[in-house]
Amino acid sequence: MIHVIASITVRESQRESFLEIFKENIPRVLEEEGCVEYSVTVDFQTDIFIQDTEVSRVTVIEKWESFPHLESHFTAPHMLDYKARVEGMVENVSLKILEEA
């Protein structure tokens, strides 16, 4: 099982538009072979001092049956369309690709 945590920094003024486009794509991703979980989250604001919060950050939590399934995801037609639609909204993307210990 492959776990992915993707941190996407979005222009603050574009956050709601970005989330709308992202959520439209979720059903297509969930239909991909090997996709176990795919969800979008935003930081929950608390007063916990060790929490790292960022209003413009969107975090995607994914699970894939294998790394080849994840690799196929990156070039799926709906993902290429999604990337083109959000290109001007995204400032930075960081991925953590993990396996179970």
PDB file of N, CA and C in Angstrom:
ATOM      1  N   MET A   1       0.854  -1.179   0.000  1.00  0.00           N
ATOM      2  CA  MET A   1       0.000   0.000   0.000  1.00  0.00           C
ATOM      3  C   MET A   1       0.897   1.238   0.000  1.00  0.00           C
ATOM      4  N   ILE A   2       0.578   2.177  -0.861  1.00  0.00           N
ATOM      5  CA  ILE A   2       1.292   3.449  -0.950  1.00  0.00           C
ATOM      6  C   ILE A   2       0.387   4.546  -0.404  1.00  0.00           C
ATOM      7  N   HIS A   3       0.938   5.369   0.453  1.00  0.00           N
ATOM      8  CA  HIS A   3       0.215   6.509   1.013  1.00  0.00           C
ATOM      9  C   HIS A   3       0.848   7.775   0.446  1.00  0.00           C
ATOM     10  N   VAL A   4       0.028   8.742   0.119  1.00  0.00           N
ATOM     11  CA  VAL A   4       0.527  10.009  -0.411  1.00  0.00           C
ATOM     12  C   VAL A   4      -0.107  11.145   0.369  1.00  0.00           C
ATOM     13  N   ILE A   5       0.739  12.093   0.765  1.00  0.00           N
ATOM     14  CA  ILE A   5       0.268  13.341   1.345  1.00  0.00           C
ATOM     15  C   ILE A   5       0.796  14.448   0.446  1.00  0.00           C
ATOM     16  N   ALA A   6      -0.112  15.116  -0.232  1.00  0.00           N
ATOM     17  CA  ALA A   6       0.259  16.197  -1.142  1.00  0.00           C
ATOM     18  C   ALA A   6      -0.146  17.521  -0.515  1.00  0.00           C
ATOM     19  N   SER A   7       0.819  18.397  -0.329  1.00  0.00           N
ATOM     20  CA  SER A   7       0.552  19.744   0.180  1.00  0.00           C
ATOM     21  C   SER A   7       0.589  20.702  -0.995  1.00  0.00           C
ATOM     22  N   ILE A   8      -0.529  21.382  -1.207  1.00  0.00           N
ATOM     23  CA  ILE A   8      -0.654  22.302  -2.337  1.00  0.00           C
ATOM     24  C   ILE A   8      -0.888  23.698  -1.779  1.00  0.00           C
ATOM     25  N   THR A   9       0.022  24.607  -2.106  1.00  0.00           N
ATOM     26  CA  THR A   9      -0.165  26.004  -1.712  1.00  0.00           C
ATOM     27  C   THR A   9      -0.888  26.701  -2.857  1.00  0.00           C
ATOM     28  N   VAL A  10      -2.046  27.258  -2.524  1.00  0.00           N
ATOM     29  CA  VAL A  10      -2.917  27.881  -3.512  1.00  0.00           C
ATOM     30  C   VAL A  10      -2.975  29.379  -3.229  1.00  0.00           C
ATOM     31  N   ARG A  11      -3.039  30.162  -4.283  1.00  0.00           N
ATOM     32  CA  ARG A  11      -3.225  31.610  -4.084  1.00  0.00           C
ATOM     33  C   ARG A  11      -4.479  31.797  -3.235  1.00  0.00           C
ATOM     34  N   GLU A  12      -4.338  32.547  -2.149  1.00  0.00           N
ATOM     35  CA  GLU A  12      -5.431  32.684  -1.190  1.00  0.00           C
ATOM     36  C   GLU A  12      -6.733  33.137  -1.859  1.00  0.00           C
ATOM     37  N   SER A  13      -6.637  34.038  -2.804  1.00  0.00           N
ATOM     38  CA  SER A  13      -7.833  34.549  -3.488  1.00  0.00           C
ATOM     39  C   SER A  13      -8.465  33.498  -4.405  1.00  0.00           C
ATOM     40  N   GLN A  14      -7.739  32.420  -4.678  1.00  0.00           N
ATOM     41  CA  GLN A  14      -8.220  31.371  -5.587  1.00  0.00           C
ATOM     42  C   GLN A  14      -8.612  30.081  -4.866  1.00  0.00           C
ATOM     43  N   ARG A  15      -8.510  30.066  -3.556  1.00  0.00           N
ATOM     44  CA  ARG A  15      -8.716  28.824  -2.805  1.00  0.00           C
ATOM     45  C   ARG A  15     -10.071  28.177  -3.067  1.00  0.00           C
ATOM     46  N   GLU A  16     -11.141  28.931  -3.006  1.00  0.00           N
ATOM     47  CA  GLU A  16     -12.471  28.343  -3.188  1.00  0.00           C
ATOM     48  C   GLU A  16     -12.661  27.818  -4.603  1.00  0.00           C
ATOM     49  N   SER A  17     -12.174  28.547  -5.592  1.00  0.00           N
ATOM     50  CA  SER A  17     -12.261  28.072  -6.980  1.00  0.00           C
ATOM     51  C   SER A  17     -11.445  26.797  -7.162  1.00  0.00           C
ATOM     52  N   PHE A  18     -10.254  26.773  -6.569  1.00  0.00           N
ATOM     53  CA  PHE A  18      -9.403  25.590  -6.645  1.00  0.00           C
ATOM     54  C   PHE A  18     -10.118  24.382  -6.044  1.00  0.00           C
ATOM     55  N   LEU A  19     -10.678  24.558  -4.848  1.00  0.00           N
ATOM     56  CA  LEU A  19     -11.360  23.452  -4.176  1.00  0.00           C
ATOM     57  C   LEU A  19     -12.542  22.932  -4.998  1.00  0.00           C
ATOM     58  N   GLU A  20     -13.255  23.825  -5.625  1.00  0.00           N
ATOM     59  CA  GLU A  20     -14.389  23.422  -6.463  1.00  0.00           C
ATOM     60  C   GLU A  20     -13.914  22.539  -7.625  1.00  0.00           C
ATOM     61  N   ILE A  21     -12.877  22.972  -8.313  1.00  0.00           N
ATOM     62  CA  ILE A  21     -12.318  22.193  -9.427  1.00  0.00           C
ATOM     63  C   ILE A  21     -11.776  20.859  -8.923  1.00  0.00           C
ATOM     64  N   PHE A  22     -11.068  20.885  -7.801  1.00  0.00           N
ATOM     65  CA  PHE A  22     -10.496  19.663  -7.244  1.00  0.00           C
ATOM     66  C   PHE A  22     -11.604  18.665  -6.916  1.00  0.00           C
ATOM     67  N   LYS A  23     -12.638  19.121  -6.222  1.00  0.00           N
ATOM     68  CA  LYS A  23     -13.725  18.233  -5.806  1.00  0.00           C
ATOM     69  C   LYS A  23     -14.466  17.642  -7.004  1.00  0.00           C
ATOM     70  N   GLU A  24     -14.558  18.388  -8.101  1.00  0.00           N
ATOM     71  CA  GLU A  24     -15.194  17.856  -9.312  1.00  0.00           C
ATOM     72  C   GLU A  24     -14.434  16.643  -9.841  1.00  0.00           C
ATOM     73  N   ASN A  25     -13.139  16.608  -9.615  1.00  0.00           N
ATOM     74  CA  ASN A  25     -12.283  15.559 -10.157  1.00  0.00           C
ATOM     75  C   ASN A  25     -12.225  14.310  -9.267  1.00  0.00           C
ATOM     76  N   ILE A  26     -12.588  14.421  -8.020  1.00  0.00           N
ATOM     77  CA  ILE A  26     -12.457  13.302  -7.077  1.00  0.00           C
ATOM     78  C   ILE A  26     -13.163  12.031  -7.566  1.00  0.00           C
ATOM     79  N   PRO A  27     -14.411  12.081  -8.037  1.00  0.00           N
ATOM     80  CA  PRO A  27     -15.053  10.836  -8.483  1.00  0.00           C
ATOM     81  C   PRO A  27     -14.279  10.125  -9.604  1.00  0.00           C
ATOM     82  N   ARG A  28     -13.675  10.880 -10.503  1.00  0.00           N
ATOM     83  CA  ARG A  28     -12.892  10.269 -11.586  1.00  0.00           C
ATOM     84  C   ARG A  28     -11.647   9.585 -11.034  1.00  0.00           C
ATOM     85  N   VAL A  29     -11.000  10.215 -10.056  1.00  0.00           N
ATOM     86  CA  VAL A  29      -9.802   9.613  -9.460  1.00  0.00           C
ATOM     87  C   VAL A  29     -10.174   8.338  -8.716  1.00  0.00           C
ATOM     88  N   LEU A  30     -11.271   8.368  -7.977  1.00  0.00           N
ATOM     89  CA  LEU A  30     -11.688   7.185  -7.220  1.00  0.00           C
ATOM     90  C   LEU A  30     -12.014   6.001  -8.129  1.00  0.00           C
ATOM     91  N   GLU A  31     -12.316   6.262  -9.390  1.00  0.00           N
ATOM     92  CA  GLU A  31     -12.589   5.190 -10.347  1.00  0.00           C
ATOM     93  C   GLU A  31     -11.304   4.598 -10.947  1.00  0.00           C
ATOM     94  N   GLU A  32     -10.171   5.253 -10.722  1.00  0.00           N
ATOM     95  CA  GLU A  32      -8.908   4.751 -11.269  1.00  0.00           C
ATOM     96  C   GLU A  32      -8.554   3.408 -10.638  1.00  0.00           C
ATOM     97  N   GLU A  33      -7.976   2.536 -11.458  1.00  0.00           N
ATOM     98  CA  GLU A  33      -7.527   1.246 -10.956  1.00  0.00           C
ATOM     99  C   GLU A  33      -6.461   1.468  -9.878  1.00  0.00           C
ATOM    100  N   GLY A  34      -6.654   0.822  -8.736  1.00  0.00           N
ATOM    101  CA  GLY A  34      -5.677   0.892  -7.657  1.00  0.00           C
ATOM    102  C   GLY A  34      -5.895   2.010  -6.656  1.00  0.00           C
ATOM    103  N   CYS A  35      -6.864   2.892  -6.901  1.00  0.00           N
ATOM    104  CA  CYS A  35      -7.121   3.984  -5.956  1.00  0.00           C
ATOM    105  C   CYS A  35      -7.969   3.458  -4.803  1.00  0.00           C
ATOM    106  N   VAL A  36      -7.469   3.612  -3.597  1.00  0.00           N
ATOM    107  CA  VAL A  36      -8.159   3.158  -2.397  1.00  0.00           C
ATOM    108  C   VAL A  36      -8.817   4.343  -1.687  1.00  0.00           C
ATOM    109  N   GLU A  37      -8.141   5.479  -1.673  1.00  0.00           N
ATOM    110  CA  GLU A  37      -8.650   6.671  -0.985  1.00  0.00           C
ATOM    111  C   GLU A  37      -8.093   7.907  -1.672  1.00  0.00           C
ATOM    112  N   TYR A  38      -8.926   8.941  -1.759  1.00  0.00           N
ATOM    113  CA  TYR A  38      -8.490  10.202  -2.358  1.00  0.00           C
ATOM    114  C   TYR A  38      -9.394  11.290  -1.809  1.00  0.00           C
ATOM    115  N   SER A  39      -8.849  12.145  -0.947  1.00  0.00           N
ATOM    116  CA  SER A  39      -9.670  13.195  -0.338  1.00  0.00           C
ATOM    117  C   SER A  39      -8.871  14.475  -0.201  1.00  0.00           C
ATOM    118  N   VAL A  40      -9.596  15.571  -0.156  1.00  0.00           N
ATOM    119  CA  VAL A  40      -8.973  16.883  -0.021  1.00  0.00           C
ATOM    120  C   VAL A  40      -9.337  17.447   1.356  1.00  0.00           C
ATOM    121  N   THR A  41      -8.362  18.084   1.995  1.00  0.00           N
ATOM    122  CA  THR A  41      -8.568  18.649   3.328  1.00  0.00           C
ATOM    123  C   THR A  41      -7.949  20.044   3.392  1.00  0.00           C
ATOM    124  N   VAL A  42      -8.386  20.811   4.374  1.00  0.00           N
ATOM    125  CA  VAL A  42      -7.782  22.111   4.673  1.00  0.00           C
ATOM    126  C   VAL A  42      -7.456  22.134   6.157  1.00  0.00           C
ATOM    127  N   ASP A  43      -6.552  23.000   6.540  1.00  0.00           N
ATOM    128  CA  ASP A  43      -6.118  23.074   7.934  1.00  0.00           C
ATOM    129  C   ASP A  43      -7.282  23.448   8.853  1.00  0.00           C
ATOM    130  N   PHE A  44      -7.406  22.700   9.929  1.00  0.00           N
ATOM    131  CA  PHE A  44      -8.383  22.968  10.976  1.00  0.00           C
ATOM    132  C   PHE A  44      -7.704  23.877  11.992  1.00  0.00           C
ATOM    133  N   GLN A  45      -8.243  25.039  12.195  1.00  0.00           N
ATOM    134  CA  GLN A  45      -7.615  26.034  13.069  1.00  0.00           C
ATOM    135  C   GLN A  45      -7.865  25.709  14.536  1.00  0.00           C
ATOM    136  N   THR A  46      -6.772  25.624  15.298  1.00  0.00           N
ATOM    137  CA  THR A  46      -6.856  25.387  16.739  1.00  0.00           C
ATOM    138  C   THR A  46      -5.877  26.321  17.448  1.00  0.00           C
ATOM    139  N   ASP A  47      -5.866  26.234  18.760  1.00  0.00           N
ATOM    140  CA  ASP A  47      -4.900  26.990  19.565  1.00  0.00           C
ATOM    141  C   ASP A  47      -3.734  26.101  20.004  1.00  0.00           C
ATOM    142  N   ILE A  48      -3.594  24.928  19.433  1.00  0.00           N
ATOM    143  CA  ILE A  48      -2.508  24.030  19.800  1.00  0.00           C
ATOM    144  C   ILE A  48      -1.200  24.612  19.256  1.00  0.00           C
ATOM    145  N   PHE A  49      -0.273  24.906  20.138  1.00  0.00           N
ATOM    146  CA  PHE A  49       0.919  25.675  19.772  1.00  0.00           C
ATOM    147  C   PHE A  49       1.851  24.958  18.792  1.00  0.00           C
ATOM    148  N   ILE A  50       1.835  23.653  18.748  1.00  0.00           N
ATOM    149  CA  ILE A  50       2.741  22.945  17.842  1.00  0.00           C
ATOM    150  C   ILE A  50       2.130  22.700  16.460  1.00  0.00           C
ATOM    151  N   GLN A  51       0.885  23.116  16.286  1.00  0.00           N
ATOM    152  CA  GLN A  51       0.230  22.912  14.997  1.00  0.00           C
ATOM    153  C   GLN A  51       0.748  23.918  13.977  1.00  0.00           C
ATOM    154  N   ASP A  52       1.038  23.413  12.799  1.00  0.00           N
ATOM    155  CA  ASP A  52       1.471  24.235  11.672  1.00  0.00           C
ATOM    156  C   ASP A  52       0.252  24.463  10.780  1.00  0.00           C
ATOM    157  N   THR A  53      -0.304  25.665  10.800  1.00  0.00           N
ATOM    158  CA  THR A  53      -1.488  25.945   9.983  1.00  0.00           C
ATOM    159  C   THR A  53      -1.168  26.987   8.924  1.00  0.00           C
ATOM    160  N   GLU A  54      -1.845  26.857   7.809  1.00  0.00           N
ATOM    161  CA  GLU A  54      -1.651  27.777   6.687  1.00  0.00           C
ATOM    162  C   GLU A  54      -2.968  27.860   5.926  1.00  0.00           C
ATOM    163  N   VAL A  55      -3.547  29.048   5.866  1.00  0.00           N
ATOM    164  CA  VAL A  55      -4.840  29.250   5.212  1.00  0.00           C
ATOM    165  C   VAL A  55      -4.783  28.871   3.736  1.00  0.00           C
ATOM    166  N   SER A  56      -3.683  29.118   3.087  1.00  0.00           N
ATOM    167  CA  SER A  56      -3.594  28.867   1.648  1.00  0.00           C
ATOM    168  C   SER A  56      -3.154  27.444   1.297  1.00  0.00           C
ATOM    169  N   ARG A  57      -3.007  26.571   2.294  1.00  0.00           N
ATOM    170  CA  ARG A  57      -2.577  25.199   2.032  1.00  0.00           C
ATOM    171  C   ARG A  57      -3.782  24.263   1.936  1.00  0.00           C
ATOM    172  N   VAL A  58      -3.746  23.425   0.920  1.00  0.00           N
ATOM    173  CA  VAL A  58      -4.717  22.354   0.739  1.00  0.00           C
ATOM    174  C   VAL A  58      -3.918  21.052   0.805  1.00  0.00           C
ATOM    175  N   THR A  59      -4.410  20.084   1.568  1.00  0.00           N
ATOM    176  CA  THR A  59      -3.703  18.818   1.711  1.00  0.00           C
ATOM    177  C   THR A  59      -4.559  17.700   1.143  1.00  0.00           C
ATOM    178  N   VAL A  60      -3.945  16.926   0.259  1.00  0.00           N
ATOM    179  CA  VAL A  60      -4.620  15.787  -0.355  1.00  0.00           C
ATOM    180  C   VAL A  60      -4.079  14.519   0.293  1.00  0.00           C
ATOM    181  N   ILE A  61      -4.983  13.649   0.711  1.00  0.00           N
ATOM    182  CA  ILE A  61      -4.607  12.396   1.343  1.00  0.00           C
ATOM    183  C   ILE A  61      -5.040  11.271   0.407  1.00  0.00           C
ATOM    184  N   GLU A  62      -4.068  10.434   0.027  1.00  0.00           N
ATOM    185  CA  GLU A  62      -4.323   9.395  -0.964  1.00  0.00           C
ATOM    186  C   GLU A  62      -3.794   8.055  -0.476  1.00  0.00           C
ATOM    187  N   LYS A  63      -4.428   6.986  -0.952  1.00  0.00           N
ATOM    188  CA  LYS A  63      -3.915   5.623  -0.763  1.00  0.00           C
ATOM    189  C   LYS A  63      -4.055   4.910  -2.102  1.00  0.00           C
ATOM    190  N   TRP A  64      -2.984   4.212  -2.472  1.00  0.00           N
ATOM    191  CA  TRP A  64      -2.939   3.461  -3.728  1.00  0.00           C
ATOM    192  C   TRP A  64      -2.480   2.047  -3.440  1.00  0.00           C
ATOM    193  N   GLU A  65      -2.993   1.092  -4.217  1.00  0.00           N
ATOM    194  CA  GLU A  65      -2.610  -0.304  -4.025  1.00  0.00           C
ATOM    195  C   GLU A  65      -1.125  -0.527  -4.288  1.00  0.00           C
ATOM    196  N   SER A  66      -0.545   0.238  -5.239  1.00  0.00           N
ATOM    197  CA  SER A  66       0.872   0.062  -5.566  1.00  0.00           C
ATOM    198  C   SER A  66       1.429   1.348  -6.159  1.00  0.00           C
ATOM    199  N   PHE A  67       2.748   1.432  -6.236  1.00  0.00           N
ATOM    200  CA  PHE A  67       3.393   2.591  -6.832  1.00  0.00           C
ATOM    201  C   PHE A  67       3.069   2.716  -8.324  1.00  0.00           C
ATOM    202  N   PRO A  68       3.033   1.635  -9.105  1.00  0.00           N
ATOM    203  CA  PRO A  68       2.644   1.777 -10.515  1.00  0.00           C
ATOM    204  C   PRO A  68       1.246   2.383 -10.692  1.00  0.00           C
ATOM    205  N   HIS A  69       0.326   2.079  -9.779  1.00  0.00           N
ATOM    206  CA  HIS A  69      -1.003   2.701  -9.846  1.00  0.00           C
ATOM    207  C   HIS A  69      -0.884   4.214  -9.648  1.00  0.00           C
ATOM    208  N   LEU A  70      -0.063   4.624  -8.689  1.00  0.00           N
ATOM    209  CA  LEU A  70       0.148   6.053  -8.458  1.00  0.00           C
ATOM    210  C   LEU A  70       0.775   6.707  -9.686  1.00  0.00           C
ATOM    211  N   GLU A  71       1.759   6.059 -10.271  1.00  0.00           N
ATOM    212  CA  GLU A  71       2.403   6.613 -11.467  1.00  0.00           C
ATOM    213  C   GLU A  71       1.398   6.806 -12.601  1.00  0.00           C
ATOM    214  N   SER A  72       0.498   5.854 -12.785  1.00  0.00           N
ATOM    215  CA  SER A  72      -0.530   5.977 -13.828  1.00  0.00           C
ATOM    216  C   SER A  72      -1.463   7.148 -13.545  1.00  0.00           C
ATOM    217  N   HIS A  73      -1.719   7.393 -12.287  1.00  0.00           N
ATOM    218  CA  HIS A  73      -2.591   8.503 -11.872  1.00  0.00           C
ATOM    219  C   HIS A  73      -2.071   9.842 -12.403  1.00  0.00           C
ATOM    220  N   PHE A  74      -0.768  10.032 -12.353  1.00  0.00           N
ATOM    221  CA  PHE A  74      -0.192  11.317 -12.757  1.00  0.00           C
ATOM    222  C   PHE A  74      -0.458  11.663 -14.217  1.00  0.00           C
ATOM    223  N   THR A  75      -0.639  10.658 -15.062  1.00  0.00           N
ATOM    224  CA  THR A  75      -0.834  10.918 -16.490  1.00  0.00           C
ATOM    225  C   THR A  75      -2.241  10.577 -16.980  1.00  0.00           C
ATOM    226  N   ALA A  76      -3.151  10.299 -16.054  1.00  0.00           N
ATOM    227  CA  ALA A  76      -4.538  10.028 -16.441  1.00  0.00           C
ATOM    228  C   ALA A  76      -5.117  11.280 -17.117  1.00  0.00           C
ATOM    229  N   PRO A  77      -5.919  11.112 -18.164  1.00  0.00           N
ATOM    230  CA  PRO A  77      -6.464  12.272 -18.889  1.00  0.00           C
ATOM    231  C   PRO A  77      -7.169  13.289 -17.993  1.00  0.00           C
ATOM    232  N   HIS A  78      -7.949  12.826 -17.020  1.00  0.00           N
ATOM    233  CA  HIS A  78      -8.650  13.764 -16.136  1.00  0.00           C
ATOM    234  C   HIS A  78      -7.679  14.523 -15.238  1.00  0.00           C
ATOM    235  N   MET A  79      -6.517  13.923 -14.933  1.00  0.00           N
ATOM    236  CA  MET A  79      -5.524  14.644 -14.133  1.00  0.00           C
ATOM    237  C   MET A  79      -4.814  15.706 -14.962  1.00  0.00           C
ATOM    238  N   LEU A  80      -4.547  15.402 -16.212  1.00  0.00           N
ATOM    239  CA  LEU A  80      -3.928  16.403 -17.089  1.00  0.00           C
ATOM    240  C   LEU A  80      -4.871  17.580 -17.292  1.00  0.00           C
ATOM    241  N   ASP A  81      -6.166  17.298 -17.415  1.00  0.00           N
ATOM    242  CA  ASP A  81      -7.159  18.367 -17.541  1.00  0.00           C
ATOM    243  C   ASP A  81      -7.228  19.192 -16.256  1.00  0.00           C
ATOM    244  N   TYR A  82      -7.261  18.521 -15.119  1.00  0.00           N
ATOM    245  CA  TYR A  82      -7.286  19.208 -13.818  1.00  0.00           C
ATOM    246  C   TYR A  82      -6.067  20.125 -13.670  1.00  0.00           C
ATOM    247  N   LYS A  83      -4.883  19.609 -13.992  1.00  0.00           N
ATOM    248  CA  LYS A  83      -3.653  20.406 -13.862  1.00  0.00           C
ATOM    249  C   LYS A  83      -3.707  21.656 -14.732  1.00  0.00           C
ATOM    250  N   ALA A  84      -4.242  21.532 -15.925  1.00  0.00           N
ATOM    251  CA  ALA A  84      -4.360  22.690 -16.816  1.00  0.00           C
ATOM    252  C   ALA A  84      -5.342  23.714 -16.247  1.00  0.00           C
ATOM    253  N   ARG A  85      -6.411  23.238 -15.637  1.00  0.00           N
ATOM    254  CA  ARG A  85      -7.434  24.152 -15.102  1.00  0.00           C
ATOM    255  C   ARG A  85      -6.960  24.928 -13.877  1.00  0.00           C
ATOM    256  N   VAL A  86      -6.079  24.343 -13.069  1.00  0.00           N
ATOM    257  CA  VAL A  86      -5.652  24.995 -11.822  1.00  0.00           C
ATOM    258  C   VAL A  86      -4.270  25.621 -11.915  1.00  0.00           C
ATOM    259  N   GLU A  87      -3.655  25.565 -13.075  1.00  0.00           N
ATOM    260  CA  GLU A  87      -2.266  25.994 -13.235  1.00  0.00           C
ATOM    261  C   GLU A  87      -1.988  27.380 -12.641  1.00  0.00           C
ATOM    262  N   GLY A  88      -2.785  28.365 -12.911  1.00  0.00           N
ATOM    263  CA  GLY A  88      -2.545  29.713 -12.408  1.00  0.00           C
ATOM    264  C   GLY A  88      -2.921  29.918 -10.955  1.00  0.00           C
ATOM    265  N   MET A  89      -3.562  28.920 -10.350  1.00  0.00           N
ATOM    266  CA  MET A  89      -4.004  29.029  -8.956  1.00  0.00           C
ATOM    267  C   MET A  89      -2.972  28.491  -7.973  1.00  0.00           C
ATOM    268  N   VAL A  90      -2.131  27.574  -8.435  1.00  0.00           N
ATOM    269  CA  VAL A  90      -1.209  26.853  -7.565  1.00  0.00           C
ATOM    270  C   VAL A  90       0.145  27.549  -7.520  1.00  0.00           C
ATOM    271  N   GLU A  91       0.637  27.772  -6.300  1.00  0.00           N
ATOM    272  CA  GLU A  91       1.952  28.377  -6.112  1.00  0.00           C
ATOM    273  C   GLU A  91       3.038  27.331  -5.898  1.00  0.00           C
ATOM    274  N   ASN A  92       2.684  26.216  -5.226  1.00  0.00           N
ATOM    275  CA  ASN A  92       3.683  25.203  -4.911  1.00  0.00           C
ATOM    276  C   ASN A  92       2.995  23.873  -4.610  1.00  0.00           C
ATOM    277  N   VAL A  93       3.686  22.782  -4.934  1.00  0.00           N
ATOM    278  CA  VAL A  93       3.191  21.440  -4.607  1.00  0.00           C
ATOM    279  C   VAL A  93       4.340  20.658  -3.993  1.00  0.00           C
ATOM    280  N   SER A  94       4.041  19.968  -2.908  1.00  0.00           N
ATOM    281  CA  SER A  94       5.020  19.118  -2.240  1.00  0.00           C
ATOM    282  C   SER A  94       4.374  17.765  -1.986  1.00  0.00           C
ATOM    283  N   LEU A  95       5.081  16.685  -2.336  1.00  0.00           N
ATOM    284  CA  LEU A  95       4.552  15.337  -2.144  1.00  0.00           C
ATOM    285  C   LEU A  95       5.355  14.566  -1.103  1.00  0.00           C
ATOM    286  N   LYS A  96       4.648  13.789  -0.285  1.00  0.00           N
ATOM    287  CA  LYS A  96       5.266  12.776   0.557  1.00  0.00           C
ATOM    288  C   LYS A  96       4.672  11.457   0.076  1.00  0.00           C
ATOM    289  N   ILE A  97       5.521  10.589  -0.427  1.00  0.00           N
ATOM    290  CA  ILE A  97       5.090   9.268  -0.880  1.00  0.00           C
ATOM    291  C   ILE A  97       5.630   8.273   0.141  1.00  0.00           C
ATOM    292  N   LEU A  98       4.733   7.555   0.776  1.00  0.00           N
ATOM    293  CA  LEU A  98       5.078   6.731   1.935  1.00  0.00           C
ATOM    294  C   LEU A  98       4.631   5.291   1.745  1.00  0.00           C
ATOM    295  N   GLU A  99       5.301   4.392   2.448  1.00  0.00           N
ATOM    296  CA  GLU A  99       4.855   3.005   2.495  1.00  0.00           C
ATOM    297  C   GLU A  99       4.691   2.609   3.964  1.00  0.00           C
ATOM    298  N   GLU A 100       3.911   1.572   4.186  1.00  0.00           N
ATOM    299  CA  GLU A 100       3.687   1.127   5.553  1.00  0.00           C
ATOM    300  C   GLU A 100       4.974   0.577   6.153  1.00  0.00           C
ATOM    301  N   ALA A 101       5.190   0.864   7.407  1.00  0.00           N
ATOM    302  CA  ALA A 101       6.423   0.440   8.096  1.00  0.00           C
ATOM    303  C   ALA A 101       6.251  -0.951   8.683  1.00  0.00           C
TER     304      ALA A 101
END
